[in-house]
Amino acid sequence: MNKIRVAIADDHRLFREGLRRLLEMEGDIEVVGEAKDGAEAVDMIQKTVPDIVLLDINMPKMDGGQVVKHLKNAKLPTKFVAITAYDDEEHLASLSAIGINGYILKSSSMPDLIAALHSVNGGESYVDPKVAGKLLSSFQKRKEEQDVMFLLTQREKEVLFWLSQGFNNAEISAKMVLSEKTVKNHVSHLLKKLGLNDRTQAAVLAWRMGLVQTSSDSMNF
């Protein structure tokens, strides 16, 4: 059985050490490195190339977002799960925008963290249930979430897919060979049709519905 190779980046030593001990009790997880700040994390991750990095967002030298951007530019296959104390939409939006694969609260249980690691390692995105429930409260009244997909055109579904992957309008326009203005219009239309306020809610809905796991090669949702 191949173990999930995990690295931990957090500026609190006791938290890192405690988390490492707990993770090493799992038979299918191997901790391959630790870092106490963003700069050290970049160096460590480039050397060890873990499957997943558990990282704090607020770290000295380089914050978690800068670390992720730097390493994504380096085209590493590593995935990222943010561990944070913040559960507000602003933080989730910023993490979604840079392409974080998972989001877990420091107040969550160990089973939740293990679930996040397995989901992300399996190619899925993960949002802490406490956060997902909070963000989805405004549109959970729909009797069936899948029904909302019938409201969207094929183009709007494709835009939602790329939006859920953390791409901005300019990047989506390049992916879909459309003008940035057209993409912006599609985003506006799909938000209105789904009764959502912003891109964050759209991304969370896409994660919950499994759209994030859909292959870009088969866009027939």
N, C-alpha and C. Protein backbone atom coordinates (compact mmCIF):
# COMPACT_ATOMS: atom_id res chain seq x y z
N MET A 1 0.84 -1.20 0.00
CA MET A 1 0.00 0.00 0.00
C MET A 1 0.87 1.25 0.00
N ASN A 2 0.63 2.12 -0.95
CA ASN A 2 1.37 3.37 -1.01
C ASN A 2 0.84 4.34 0.03
N LYS A 3 1.74 4.89 0.81
CA LYS A 3 1.35 5.83 1.84
C LYS A 3 1.19 7.23 1.26
N ILE A 4 0.33 8.01 1.90
CA ILE A 4 0.18 9.42 1.52
C ILE A 4 1.33 10.18 2.16
N ARG A 5 2.17 10.79 1.34
CA ARG A 5 3.34 11.51 1.84
C ARG A 5 2.93 12.96 2.15
N VAL A 6 3.01 13.31 3.43
CA VAL A 6 2.50 14.59 3.90
C VAL A 6 3.62 15.44 4.49
N ALA A 7 3.58 16.74 4.24
CA ALA A 7 4.48 17.69 4.87
C ALA A 7 3.64 18.69 5.66
N ILE A 8 4.22 19.24 6.72
CA ILE A 8 3.51 20.18 7.60
C ILE A 8 4.25 21.51 7.63
N ALA A 9 3.54 22.60 7.38
CA ALA A 9 4.14 23.93 7.44
C ALA A 9 3.31 24.79 8.38
N ASP A 10 3.88 25.10 9.54
CA ASP A 10 3.19 25.91 10.55
C ASP A 10 4.24 26.51 11.47
N ASP A 11 4.03 27.76 11.88
CA ASP A 11 5.05 28.42 12.69
C ASP A 11 4.96 28.10 14.18
N HIS A 12 4.00 27.28 14.59
CA HIS A 12 3.89 26.86 15.98
C HIS A 12 4.46 25.46 16.17
N ARG A 13 5.57 25.38 16.85
CA ARG A 13 6.30 24.12 16.98
C ARG A 13 5.47 23.03 17.66
N LEU A 14 4.78 23.38 18.75
CA LEU A 14 3.98 22.38 19.46
C LEU A 14 2.87 21.83 18.58
N PHE A 15 2.26 22.71 17.77
CA PHE A 15 1.21 22.26 16.87
C PHE A 15 1.77 21.30 15.83
N ARG A 16 2.92 21.66 15.24
CA ARG A 16 3.56 20.80 14.23
C ARG A 16 3.89 19.44 14.82
N GLU A 17 4.53 19.45 15.97
CA GLU A 17 4.97 18.19 16.57
C GLU A 17 3.78 17.31 16.97
N GLY A 18 2.75 17.95 17.54
CA GLY A 18 1.57 17.18 17.92
C GLY A 18 0.86 16.59 16.71
N LEU A 19 0.75 17.39 15.65
CA LEU A 19 0.10 16.93 14.43
C LEU A 19 0.90 15.79 13.80
N ARG A 20 2.21 15.93 13.81
CA ARG A 20 3.06 14.89 13.24
C ARG A 20 2.85 13.55 13.97
N ARG A 21 2.84 13.59 15.29
CA ARG A 21 2.66 12.36 16.06
C ARG A 21 1.32 11.71 15.76
N LEU A 22 0.27 12.53 15.66
CA LEU A 22 -1.05 11.99 15.37
C LEU A 22 -1.12 11.39 13.97
N LEU A 23 -0.53 12.07 13.00
CA LEU A 23 -0.56 11.56 11.62
C LEU A 23 0.25 10.27 11.49
N GLU A 24 1.35 10.18 12.21
CA GLU A 24 2.19 8.99 12.11
C GLU A 24 1.55 7.76 12.74
N MET A 25 0.46 7.97 13.48
CA MET A 25 -0.29 6.84 14.02
C MET A 25 -1.19 6.21 12.96
N GLU A 26 -1.37 6.93 11.86
CA GLU A 26 -2.18 6.40 10.75
C GLU A 26 -1.30 5.51 9.87
N GLY A 27 -1.78 4.34 9.58
CA GLY A 27 -0.97 3.38 8.84
C GLY A 27 -0.68 3.75 7.40
N ASP A 28 -1.51 4.62 6.82
CA ASP A 28 -1.34 4.94 5.40
C ASP A 28 -0.82 6.36 5.17
N ILE A 29 -0.27 6.97 6.21
CA ILE A 29 0.25 8.34 6.09
C ILE A 29 1.69 8.39 6.58
N GLU A 30 2.54 9.06 5.81
CA GLU A 30 3.94 9.25 6.18
C GLU A 30 4.27 10.74 6.16
N VAL A 31 4.76 11.28 7.27
CA VAL A 31 5.17 12.68 7.33
C VAL A 31 6.61 12.79 6.85
N VAL A 32 6.82 13.52 5.77
CA VAL A 32 8.14 13.56 5.14
C VAL A 32 8.90 14.86 5.38
N GLY A 33 8.26 15.83 6.06
CA GLY A 33 8.96 17.08 6.31
C GLY A 33 8.15 18.06 7.11
N GLU A 34 8.85 19.02 7.73
CA GLU A 34 8.21 20.09 8.49
C GLU A 34 8.89 21.41 8.14
N ALA A 35 8.14 22.49 8.32
CA ALA A 35 8.70 23.84 8.10
C ALA A 35 8.04 24.81 9.06
N LYS A 36 8.84 25.77 9.56
CA LYS A 36 8.33 26.73 10.54
C LYS A 36 7.95 28.07 9.92
N ASP A 37 8.26 28.28 8.65
CA ASP A 37 7.87 29.52 7.98
C ASP A 37 7.73 29.26 6.49
N GLY A 38 7.24 30.27 5.77
CA GLY A 38 6.97 30.09 4.35
C GLY A 38 8.19 29.81 3.50
N ALA A 39 9.27 30.53 3.76
CA ALA A 39 10.49 30.33 2.97
C ALA A 39 11.05 28.94 3.18
N GLU A 40 11.05 28.49 4.43
CA GLU A 40 11.53 27.14 4.73
C GLU A 40 10.62 26.09 4.11
N ALA A 41 9.31 26.40 4.07
CA ALA A 41 8.36 25.47 3.47
C ALA A 41 8.63 25.27 1.99
N VAL A 42 8.88 26.36 1.26
CA VAL A 42 9.16 26.26 -0.16
C VAL A 42 10.38 25.38 -0.41
N ASP A 43 11.42 25.60 0.34
CA ASP A 43 12.65 24.82 0.18
C ASP A 43 12.41 23.34 0.50
N MET A 44 11.73 23.09 1.62
CA MET A 44 11.47 21.72 2.04
C MET A 44 10.58 20.98 1.04
N ILE A 45 9.55 21.66 0.54
CA ILE A 45 8.61 21.02 -0.38
C ILE A 45 9.29 20.70 -1.72
N GLN A 46 10.14 21.60 -2.18
CA GLN A 46 10.85 21.36 -3.44
C GLN A 46 11.81 20.17 -3.31
N LYS A 47 12.34 19.96 -2.12
CA LYS A 47 13.27 18.85 -1.91
C LYS A 47 12.55 17.51 -1.72
N THR A 48 11.43 17.53 -1.00
CA THR A 48 10.75 16.27 -0.67
C THR A 48 9.60 15.93 -1.60
N VAL A 49 9.02 16.94 -2.27
CA VAL A 49 7.86 16.80 -3.17
C VAL A 49 6.80 15.86 -2.56
N PRO A 50 6.19 16.29 -1.45
CA PRO A 50 5.15 15.46 -0.82
C PRO A 50 3.89 15.40 -1.66
N ASP A 51 3.03 14.44 -1.35
CA ASP A 51 1.73 14.37 -2.04
C ASP A 51 0.86 15.55 -1.62
N ILE A 52 0.89 15.84 -0.32
CA ILE A 52 0.04 16.89 0.23
C ILE A 52 0.82 17.71 1.26
N VAL A 53 0.60 19.01 1.25
CA VAL A 53 1.15 19.88 2.28
C VAL A 53 0.01 20.41 3.14
N LEU A 54 0.11 20.20 4.45
CA LEU A 54 -0.79 20.83 5.40
C LEU A 54 -0.14 22.14 5.81
N LEU A 55 -0.74 23.26 5.50
CA LEU A 55 -0.06 24.50 5.79
C LEU A 55 -0.96 25.53 6.43
N ASP A 56 -0.35 26.27 7.36
CA ASP A 56 -1.01 27.41 7.98
C ASP A 56 -0.97 28.57 6.98
N ILE A 57 -2.00 29.39 7.00
CA ILE A 57 -2.04 30.52 6.07
C ILE A 57 -1.20 31.68 6.59
N ASN A 58 -1.21 31.91 7.88
CA ASN A 58 -0.46 33.02 8.46
C ASN A 58 0.89 32.55 8.99
N MET A 59 1.92 32.63 8.13
CA MET A 59 3.27 32.24 8.53
C MET A 59 4.23 33.38 8.25
N PRO A 60 5.33 33.47 9.01
CA PRO A 60 6.33 34.52 8.73
C PRO A 60 7.09 34.26 7.44
N LYS A 61 7.72 35.31 6.93
CA LYS A 61 8.56 35.31 5.71
C LYS A 61 7.74 35.17 4.44
N MET A 62 6.94 34.12 4.33
CA MET A 62 5.99 33.98 3.22
C MET A 62 4.73 33.38 3.81
N ASP A 63 3.55 33.97 3.49
CA ASP A 63 2.33 33.37 4.01
C ASP A 63 1.94 32.17 3.15
N GLY A 64 0.93 31.45 3.62
CA GLY A 64 0.54 30.22 2.93
C GLY A 64 0.15 30.45 1.48
N GLY A 65 -0.55 31.56 1.22
CA GLY A 65 -0.94 31.85 -0.15
C GLY A 65 0.25 32.07 -1.06
N GLN A 66 1.26 32.76 -0.59
CA GLN A 66 2.48 32.99 -1.38
C GLN A 66 3.21 31.69 -1.63
N VAL A 67 3.23 30.81 -0.63
CA VAL A 67 3.87 29.51 -0.79
C VAL A 67 3.20 28.71 -1.90
N VAL A 68 1.87 28.67 -1.87
CA VAL A 68 1.13 27.91 -2.87
C VAL A 68 1.35 28.48 -4.27
N LYS A 69 1.27 29.80 -4.41
CA LYS A 69 1.49 30.43 -5.71
C LYS A 69 2.88 30.12 -6.24
N HIS A 70 3.89 30.21 -5.38
CA HIS A 70 5.26 29.96 -5.80
C HIS A 70 5.43 28.53 -6.29
N LEU A 71 4.88 27.58 -5.55
CA LEU A 71 5.07 26.17 -5.90
C LEU A 71 4.21 25.75 -7.09
N LYS A 72 3.06 26.37 -7.25
CA LYS A 72 2.25 26.07 -8.43
C LYS A 72 2.94 26.57 -9.70
N ASN A 73 3.62 27.69 -9.59
CA ASN A 73 4.39 28.19 -10.73
C ASN A 73 5.54 27.25 -11.08
N ALA A 74 6.01 26.51 -10.06
CA ALA A 74 7.09 25.54 -10.28
C ALA A 74 6.57 24.22 -10.84
N LYS A 75 5.25 24.13 -11.03
CA LYS A 75 4.62 22.95 -11.65
C LYS A 75 4.83 21.66 -10.85
N LEU A 76 4.90 21.77 -9.52
CA LEU A 76 5.01 20.57 -8.70
C LEU A 76 3.66 19.88 -8.61
N PRO A 77 3.65 18.54 -8.49
CA PRO A 77 2.38 17.82 -8.40
C PRO A 77 1.74 17.88 -7.02
N THR A 78 2.41 18.50 -6.08
CA THR A 78 1.95 18.57 -4.70
C THR A 78 0.60 19.29 -4.59
N LYS A 79 -0.25 18.78 -3.69
CA LYS A 79 -1.55 19.39 -3.41
C LYS A 79 -1.49 20.06 -2.03
N PHE A 80 -2.44 20.94 -1.78
CA PHE A 80 -2.37 21.76 -0.57
C PHE A 80 -3.68 21.75 0.20
N VAL A 81 -3.56 21.53 1.50
CA VAL A 81 -4.70 21.63 2.40
C VAL A 81 -4.39 22.72 3.42
N ALA A 82 -5.20 23.76 3.45
CA ALA A 82 -4.99 24.86 4.39
C ALA A 82 -5.59 24.50 5.74
N ILE A 83 -4.81 24.71 6.80
CA ILE A 83 -5.31 24.55 8.16
C ILE A 83 -5.36 25.95 8.78
N THR A 84 -6.54 26.39 9.15
CA THR A 84 -6.68 27.77 9.59
C THR A 84 -7.73 27.89 10.68
N ALA A 85 -7.66 28.97 11.42
CA ALA A 85 -8.66 29.27 12.45
C ALA A 85 -9.80 30.09 11.88
N TYR A 86 -9.64 30.57 10.64
CA TYR A 86 -10.65 31.46 10.04
C TYR A 86 -11.69 30.67 9.26
N ASP A 87 -12.96 31.00 9.50
CA ASP A 87 -14.03 30.28 8.81
C ASP A 87 -14.94 31.22 8.01
N ASP A 88 -14.43 32.42 7.68
CA ASP A 88 -15.25 33.39 6.98
C ASP A 88 -15.08 33.26 5.46
N GLU A 89 -16.02 33.84 4.73
CA GLU A 89 -16.04 33.74 3.28
C GLU A 89 -14.83 34.39 2.63
N GLU A 90 -14.36 35.48 3.23
CA GLU A 90 -13.22 36.19 2.63
C GLU A 90 -11.99 35.30 2.55
N HIS A 91 -11.72 34.57 3.63
CA HIS A 91 -10.54 33.70 3.62
C HIS A 91 -10.72 32.53 2.65
N LEU A 92 -11.91 31.93 2.65
CA LEU A 92 -12.15 30.83 1.72
C LEU A 92 -12.04 31.30 0.28
N ALA A 93 -12.52 32.51 0.01
CA ALA A 93 -12.46 33.05 -1.35
C ALA A 93 -11.02 33.22 -1.80
N SER A 94 -10.17 33.76 -0.90
CA SER A 94 -8.78 33.99 -1.27
C SER A 94 -8.05 32.67 -1.49
N LEU A 95 -8.37 31.66 -0.69
CA LEU A 95 -7.73 30.35 -0.85
C LEU A 95 -8.20 29.67 -2.13
N SER A 96 -9.49 29.79 -2.42
CA SER A 96 -10.03 29.22 -3.64
C SER A 96 -9.37 29.84 -4.86
N ALA A 97 -9.13 31.14 -4.79
CA ALA A 97 -8.57 31.86 -5.93
C ALA A 97 -7.16 31.40 -6.28
N ILE A 98 -6.40 30.94 -5.29
CA ILE A 98 -5.03 30.49 -5.58
C ILE A 98 -4.95 28.99 -5.82
N GLY A 99 -6.08 28.30 -5.71
CA GLY A 99 -6.09 26.88 -6.05
C GLY A 99 -5.79 25.93 -4.91
N ILE A 100 -6.13 26.32 -3.67
CA ILE A 100 -6.00 25.39 -2.54
C ILE A 100 -6.92 24.21 -2.78
N ASN A 101 -6.45 23.00 -2.48
CA ASN A 101 -7.24 21.80 -2.72
C ASN A 101 -8.17 21.43 -1.57
N GLY A 102 -7.83 21.89 -0.36
CA GLY A 102 -8.65 21.56 0.79
C GLY A 102 -8.57 22.64 1.84
N TYR A 103 -9.58 22.68 2.70
CA TYR A 103 -9.69 23.75 3.70
C TYR A 103 -10.22 23.11 4.98
N ILE A 104 -9.42 23.11 6.04
CA ILE A 104 -9.82 22.50 7.30
C ILE A 104 -9.56 23.47 8.45
N LEU A 105 -10.44 23.48 9.43
CA LEU A 105 -10.31 24.37 10.57
C LEU A 105 -9.43 23.74 11.65
N LYS A 106 -8.67 24.57 12.35
CA LYS A 106 -7.83 24.06 13.45
C LYS A 106 -8.68 23.52 14.59
N SER A 107 -9.92 23.91 14.64
CA SER A 107 -10.83 23.42 15.69
C SER A 107 -11.49 22.09 15.32
N SER A 108 -11.21 21.59 14.12
CA SER A 108 -11.84 20.35 13.67
C SER A 108 -11.18 19.13 14.30
N SER A 109 -11.86 18.00 14.17
CA SER A 109 -11.37 16.77 14.77
C SER A 109 -10.34 16.08 13.87
N MET A 110 -9.61 15.15 14.44
CA MET A 110 -8.64 14.38 13.66
C MET A 110 -9.32 13.59 12.54
N PRO A 111 -10.47 12.96 12.78
CA PRO A 111 -11.15 12.27 11.68
C PRO A 111 -11.46 13.19 10.50
N ASP A 112 -11.80 14.45 10.80
CA ASP A 112 -12.06 15.41 9.71
C ASP A 112 -10.78 15.67 8.90
N LEU A 113 -9.66 15.80 9.60
CA LEU A 113 -8.39 16.04 8.93
C LEU A 113 -8.00 14.84 8.07
N ILE A 114 -8.17 13.65 8.60
CA ILE A 114 -7.85 12.44 7.84
C ILE A 114 -8.75 12.35 6.61
N ALA A 115 -10.02 12.69 6.79
CA ALA A 115 -10.96 12.69 5.65
C ALA A 115 -10.50 13.68 4.58
N ALA A 116 -10.01 14.83 5.02
CA ALA A 116 -9.53 15.84 4.07
C ALA A 116 -8.33 15.31 3.29
N LEU A 117 -7.40 14.67 3.98
CA LEU A 117 -6.21 14.13 3.32
C LEU A 117 -6.58 13.06 2.30
N HIS A 118 -7.48 12.17 2.67
CA HIS A 118 -7.88 11.10 1.74
C HIS A 118 -8.64 11.67 0.55
N SER A 119 -9.50 12.66 0.78
CA SER A 119 -10.26 13.26 -0.32
C SER A 119 -9.32 13.93 -1.31
N VAL A 120 -8.43 14.77 -0.79
CA VAL A 120 -7.51 15.50 -1.66
C VAL A 120 -6.55 14.55 -2.37
N ASN A 121 -6.07 13.55 -1.66
CA ASN A 121 -5.16 12.58 -2.29
C ASN A 121 -5.86 11.80 -3.40
N GLY A 122 -7.18 11.64 -3.25
CA GLY A 122 -7.96 10.92 -4.27
C GLY A 122 -8.39 11.79 -5.43
N GLY A 123 -7.92 13.05 -5.45
CA GLY A 123 -8.24 13.93 -6.56
C GLY A 123 -9.46 14.80 -6.34
N GLU A 124 -10.01 14.79 -5.13
CA GLU A 124 -11.17 15.60 -4.83
C GLU A 124 -10.76 16.84 -4.04
N SER A 125 -11.63 17.81 -4.00
CA SER A 125 -11.43 18.97 -3.13
C SER A 125 -12.16 18.72 -1.83
N TYR A 126 -11.74 19.43 -0.77
CA TYR A 126 -12.37 19.22 0.53
C TYR A 126 -12.57 20.55 1.21
N VAL A 127 -13.79 20.78 1.68
CA VAL A 127 -14.10 21.97 2.47
C VAL A 127 -14.61 21.48 3.82
N ASP A 128 -14.04 22.01 4.90
CA ASP A 128 -14.47 21.64 6.24
C ASP A 128 -16.00 21.71 6.33
N PRO A 129 -16.64 20.66 6.84
CA PRO A 129 -18.11 20.64 6.91
C PRO A 129 -18.70 21.87 7.62
N LYS A 130 -18.01 22.36 8.64
CA LYS A 130 -18.51 23.54 9.35
C LYS A 130 -18.54 24.76 8.43
N VAL A 131 -17.51 24.89 7.60
CA VAL A 131 -17.43 26.02 6.68
C VAL A 131 -18.41 25.85 5.53
N ALA A 132 -18.44 24.66 4.96
CA ALA A 132 -19.34 24.40 3.83
C ALA A 132 -20.79 24.64 4.23
N GLY A 133 -21.16 24.17 5.42
CA GLY A 133 -22.52 24.36 5.89
C GLY A 133 -22.87 25.82 6.06
N LYS A 134 -21.93 26.59 6.56
CA LYS A 134 -22.15 28.03 6.76
C LYS A 134 -22.31 28.75 5.43
N LEU A 135 -21.43 28.44 4.47
CA LEU A 135 -21.46 29.14 3.20
C LEU A 135 -22.65 28.72 2.34
N LEU A 136 -23.11 27.50 2.54
CA LEU A 136 -24.20 27.00 1.71
C LEU A 136 -25.58 27.33 2.28
N SER A 137 -25.62 27.92 3.46
CA SER A 137 -26.90 28.15 4.12
C SER A 137 -27.87 28.99 3.29
N SER A 138 -27.32 29.88 2.47
CA SER A 138 -28.18 30.78 1.69
C SER A 138 -28.88 30.09 0.53
N PHE A 139 -28.38 28.91 0.12
CA PHE A 139 -29.08 28.25 -0.99
C PHE A 139 -29.33 26.77 -0.74
N GLN A 140 -29.39 26.36 0.52
CA GLN A 140 -29.68 24.97 0.84
C GLN A 140 -31.17 24.66 0.79
N LYS A 141 -32.00 25.67 0.54
CA LYS A 141 -33.43 25.44 0.52
C LYS A 141 -33.87 24.68 -0.73
N ARG A 142 -32.99 24.61 -1.73
CA ARG A 142 -33.36 23.88 -2.95
C ARG A 142 -33.55 22.40 -2.61
N LYS A 143 -34.60 21.77 -3.14
CA LYS A 143 -34.88 20.38 -2.77
C LYS A 143 -33.83 19.43 -3.30
N GLU A 144 -33.25 19.73 -4.46
CA GLU A 144 -32.21 18.88 -5.02
C GLU A 144 -31.14 19.76 -5.63
N GLU A 145 -29.90 19.66 -5.11
CA GLU A 145 -28.83 20.52 -5.62
C GLU A 145 -28.52 20.25 -7.09
N GLN A 146 -28.64 19.00 -7.50
CA GLN A 146 -28.34 18.68 -8.89
C GLN A 146 -29.28 19.39 -9.87
N ASP A 147 -30.47 19.74 -9.40
CA ASP A 147 -31.44 20.39 -10.27
C ASP A 147 -30.92 21.72 -10.82
N VAL A 148 -30.07 22.38 -10.05
CA VAL A 148 -29.62 23.70 -10.48
C VAL A 148 -28.79 23.65 -11.75
N MET A 149 -28.18 22.52 -12.04
CA MET A 149 -27.35 22.41 -13.23
C MET A 149 -28.16 22.56 -14.51
N PHE A 150 -29.45 22.21 -14.43
CA PHE A 150 -30.30 22.33 -15.61
C PHE A 150 -30.61 23.79 -15.93
N LEU A 151 -30.30 24.68 -15.00
CA LEU A 151 -30.52 26.11 -15.24
C LEU A 151 -29.42 26.73 -16.08
N LEU A 152 -28.29 26.03 -16.17
CA LEU A 152 -27.11 26.60 -16.82
C LEU A 152 -26.95 26.11 -18.25
N THR A 153 -26.42 26.97 -19.10
CA THR A 153 -26.04 26.55 -20.44
C THR A 153 -24.74 25.76 -20.36
N GLN A 154 -24.38 25.10 -21.45
CA GLN A 154 -23.14 24.33 -21.46
C GLN A 154 -21.94 25.23 -21.19
N ARG A 155 -21.92 26.42 -21.78
CA ARG A 155 -20.82 27.35 -21.55
C ARG A 155 -20.72 27.75 -20.08
N GLU A 156 -21.88 28.02 -19.48
CA GLU A 156 -21.89 28.41 -18.07
C GLU A 156 -21.41 27.28 -17.17
N LYS A 157 -21.73 26.05 -17.54
CA LYS A 157 -21.23 24.90 -16.78
C LYS A 157 -19.71 24.80 -16.87
N GLU A 158 -19.19 25.06 -18.05
CA GLU A 158 -17.74 25.01 -18.24
C GLU A 158 -17.06 26.12 -17.44
N VAL A 159 -17.65 27.31 -17.46
CA VAL A 159 -17.10 28.42 -16.68
C VAL A 159 -17.12 28.08 -15.19
N LEU A 160 -18.21 27.49 -14.72
CA LEU A 160 -18.31 27.09 -13.31
C LEU A 160 -17.25 26.06 -12.96
N PHE A 161 -17.00 25.14 -13.89
CA PHE A 161 -15.96 24.14 -13.66
C PHE A 161 -14.60 24.80 -13.45
N TRP A 162 -14.20 25.69 -14.36
CA TRP A 162 -12.89 26.33 -14.24
C TRP A 162 -12.84 27.27 -13.05
N LEU A 163 -13.96 27.92 -12.75
CA LEU A 163 -14.03 28.78 -11.57
C LEU A 163 -13.77 27.96 -10.31
N SER A 164 -14.36 26.75 -10.26
CA SER A 164 -14.19 25.89 -9.09
C SER A 164 -12.76 25.38 -8.94
N GLN A 165 -11.97 25.45 -10.02
CA GLN A 165 -10.58 25.03 -9.98
C GLN A 165 -9.66 26.15 -9.49
N GLY A 166 -10.23 27.34 -9.24
CA GLY A 166 -9.43 28.45 -8.73
C GLY A 166 -8.93 29.41 -9.79
N PHE A 167 -9.42 29.29 -11.03
CA PHE A 167 -8.96 30.16 -12.11
C PHE A 167 -9.72 31.49 -12.10
N ASN A 168 -9.03 32.59 -12.41
CA ASN A 168 -9.70 33.88 -12.53
C ASN A 168 -10.25 34.03 -13.94
N ASN A 169 -10.93 35.16 -14.20
CA ASN A 169 -11.58 35.35 -15.51
C ASN A 169 -10.60 35.32 -16.67
N ALA A 170 -9.43 35.94 -16.48
CA ALA A 170 -8.44 35.96 -17.56
C ALA A 170 -7.96 34.55 -17.88
N GLU A 171 -7.73 33.75 -16.86
CA GLU A 171 -7.27 32.38 -17.06
C GLU A 171 -8.36 31.52 -17.69
N ILE A 172 -9.61 31.74 -17.27
CA ILE A 172 -10.73 31.00 -17.86
C ILE A 172 -10.88 31.37 -19.34
N SER A 173 -10.72 32.64 -19.65
CA SER A 173 -10.85 33.07 -21.05
C SER A 173 -9.81 32.39 -21.92
N ALA A 174 -8.60 32.20 -21.39
CA ALA A 174 -7.55 31.51 -22.14
C ALA A 174 -7.88 30.03 -22.30
N LYS A 175 -8.42 29.42 -21.25
CA LYS A 175 -8.78 28.00 -21.30
C LYS A 175 -9.89 27.74 -22.32
N MET A 176 -10.87 28.64 -22.35
CA MET A 176 -12.05 28.41 -23.18
C MET A 176 -11.99 29.15 -24.51
N VAL A 177 -10.91 29.88 -24.76
CA VAL A 177 -10.73 30.67 -25.98
C VAL A 177 -11.93 31.61 -26.16
N LEU A 178 -12.20 32.36 -25.11
CA LEU A 178 -13.26 33.37 -25.13
C LEU A 178 -12.66 34.70 -24.67
N SER A 179 -13.34 35.78 -24.95
CA SER A 179 -12.87 37.07 -24.44
C SER A 179 -13.12 37.12 -22.94
N GLU A 180 -12.31 37.92 -22.26
CA GLU A 180 -12.48 38.04 -20.81
C GLU A 180 -13.84 38.64 -20.47
N LYS A 181 -14.33 39.54 -21.32
CA LYS A 181 -15.64 40.15 -21.10
C LYS A 181 -16.75 39.10 -21.19
N THR A 182 -16.62 38.17 -22.15
CA THR A 182 -17.61 37.11 -22.30
C THR A 182 -17.62 36.21 -21.07
N VAL A 183 -16.43 35.88 -20.57
CA VAL A 183 -16.34 35.05 -19.37
C VAL A 183 -16.99 35.76 -18.19
N LYS A 184 -16.71 37.05 -18.06
CA LYS A 184 -17.30 37.84 -16.98
C LYS A 184 -18.82 37.81 -17.05
N ASN A 185 -19.35 37.89 -18.27
CA ASN A 185 -20.81 37.83 -18.45
C ASN A 185 -21.36 36.47 -18.05
N HIS A 186 -20.64 35.40 -18.43
CA HIS A 186 -21.07 34.04 -18.07
C HIS A 186 -21.09 33.88 -16.55
N VAL A 187 -20.07 34.39 -15.88
CA VAL A 187 -20.01 34.30 -14.42
C VAL A 187 -21.19 35.03 -13.80
N SER A 188 -21.47 36.23 -14.30
CA SER A 188 -22.60 37.01 -13.79
C SER A 188 -23.92 36.29 -13.99
N HIS A 189 -24.09 35.68 -15.17
CA HIS A 189 -25.34 34.99 -15.48
C HIS A 189 -25.52 33.75 -14.61
N LEU A 190 -24.45 32.97 -14.43
CA LEU A 190 -24.60 31.74 -13.66
C LEU A 190 -24.85 32.04 -12.18
N LEU A 191 -24.24 33.10 -11.67
CA LEU A 191 -24.50 33.48 -10.28
C LEU A 191 -25.97 33.88 -10.09
N LYS A 192 -26.49 34.63 -11.07
CA LYS A 192 -27.88 35.06 -11.00
C LYS A 192 -28.83 33.87 -11.09
N LYS A 193 -28.55 32.95 -12.01
CA LYS A 193 -29.41 31.77 -12.18
C LYS A 193 -29.42 30.89 -10.94
N LEU A 194 -28.26 30.78 -10.29
CA LEU A 194 -28.14 29.90 -9.12
C LEU A 194 -28.54 30.60 -7.82
N GLY A 195 -28.81 31.89 -7.91
CA GLY A 195 -29.21 32.63 -6.72
C GLY A 195 -28.08 32.81 -5.73
N LEU A 196 -26.85 32.96 -6.25
CA LEU A 196 -25.66 33.08 -5.40
C LEU A 196 -25.15 34.52 -5.40
N ASN A 197 -24.39 34.83 -4.37
CA ASN A 197 -23.88 36.20 -4.23
C ASN A 197 -22.52 36.42 -4.85
N ASP A 198 -21.68 35.38 -4.88
CA ASP A 198 -20.30 35.58 -5.33
C ASP A 198 -19.67 34.29 -5.80
N ARG A 199 -18.43 34.39 -6.27
CA ARG A 199 -17.69 33.26 -6.81
C ARG A 199 -17.41 32.21 -5.73
N THR A 200 -17.26 32.67 -4.49
CA THR A 200 -16.98 31.73 -3.40
C THR A 200 -18.13 30.75 -3.23
N GLN A 201 -19.34 31.26 -3.19
CA GLN A 201 -20.50 30.38 -3.05
C GLN A 201 -20.61 29.45 -4.26
N ALA A 202 -20.29 29.96 -5.44
CA ALA A 202 -20.34 29.12 -6.64
C ALA A 202 -19.32 27.99 -6.56
N ALA A 203 -18.11 28.30 -6.09
CA ALA A 203 -17.07 27.28 -5.96
C ALA A 203 -17.46 26.24 -4.93
N VAL A 204 -18.03 26.68 -3.81
CA VAL A 204 -18.45 25.74 -2.77
C VAL A 204 -19.55 24.82 -3.29
N LEU A 205 -20.50 25.40 -4.03
CA LEU A 205 -21.56 24.58 -4.61
C LEU A 205 -20.97 23.56 -5.58
N ALA A 206 -20.01 23.98 -6.38
CA ALA A 206 -19.37 23.07 -7.34
C ALA A 206 -18.64 21.95 -6.60
N TRP A 207 -17.94 22.29 -5.51
CA TRP A 207 -17.26 21.27 -4.71
C TRP A 207 -18.26 20.27 -4.16
N ARG A 208 -19.36 20.79 -3.60
CA ARG A 208 -20.34 19.92 -2.96
C ARG A 208 -21.02 18.99 -3.96
N MET A 209 -21.23 19.47 -5.18
CA MET A 209 -21.90 18.69 -6.21
C MET A 209 -20.96 17.74 -6.94
N GLY A 210 -19.66 17.82 -6.65
CA GLY A 210 -18.71 16.94 -7.31
C GLY A 210 -18.22 17.44 -8.64
N LEU A 211 -18.57 18.68 -8.99
CA LEU A 211 -18.16 19.23 -10.29
C LEU A 211 -16.65 19.38 -10.37
N VAL A 212 -16.01 19.63 -9.23
CA VAL A 212 -14.56 19.82 -9.21
C VAL A 212 -13.84 18.57 -9.68
N GLN A 213 -14.42 17.40 -9.40
CA GLN A 213 -13.78 16.14 -9.77
C GLN A 213 -14.03 15.74 -11.22
N THR A 214 -14.90 16.48 -11.90
CA THR A 214 -15.19 16.16 -13.30
C THR A 214 -13.96 16.43 -14.17
N SER A 215 -13.67 15.53 -15.07
CA SER A 215 -12.53 15.72 -15.96
C SER A 215 -12.81 16.84 -16.94
N SER A 216 -11.78 17.66 -17.19
CA SER A 216 -11.92 18.75 -18.16
C SER A 216 -12.04 18.20 -19.58
N ASP A 217 -11.70 16.94 -19.75
CA ASP A 217 -11.80 16.32 -21.08
C ASP A 217 -13.22 15.85 -21.40
N SER A 218 -14.05 15.78 -20.36
CA SER A 218 -15.44 15.34 -20.59
C SER A 218 -16.36 16.33 -19.91
N MET A 219 -16.70 17.37 -20.62
CA MET A 219 -17.46 18.47 -20.05
C MET A 219 -18.96 18.30 -20.23
N ASN A 220 -19.45 17.08 -20.42
CA ASN A 220 -20.88 16.86 -20.59
C ASN A 220 -21.49 16.59 -19.22
N PHE A 221 -21.78 17.65 -18.47
CA PHE A 221 -22.26 17.51 -17.10
C PHE A 221 -23.74 17.12 -17.09
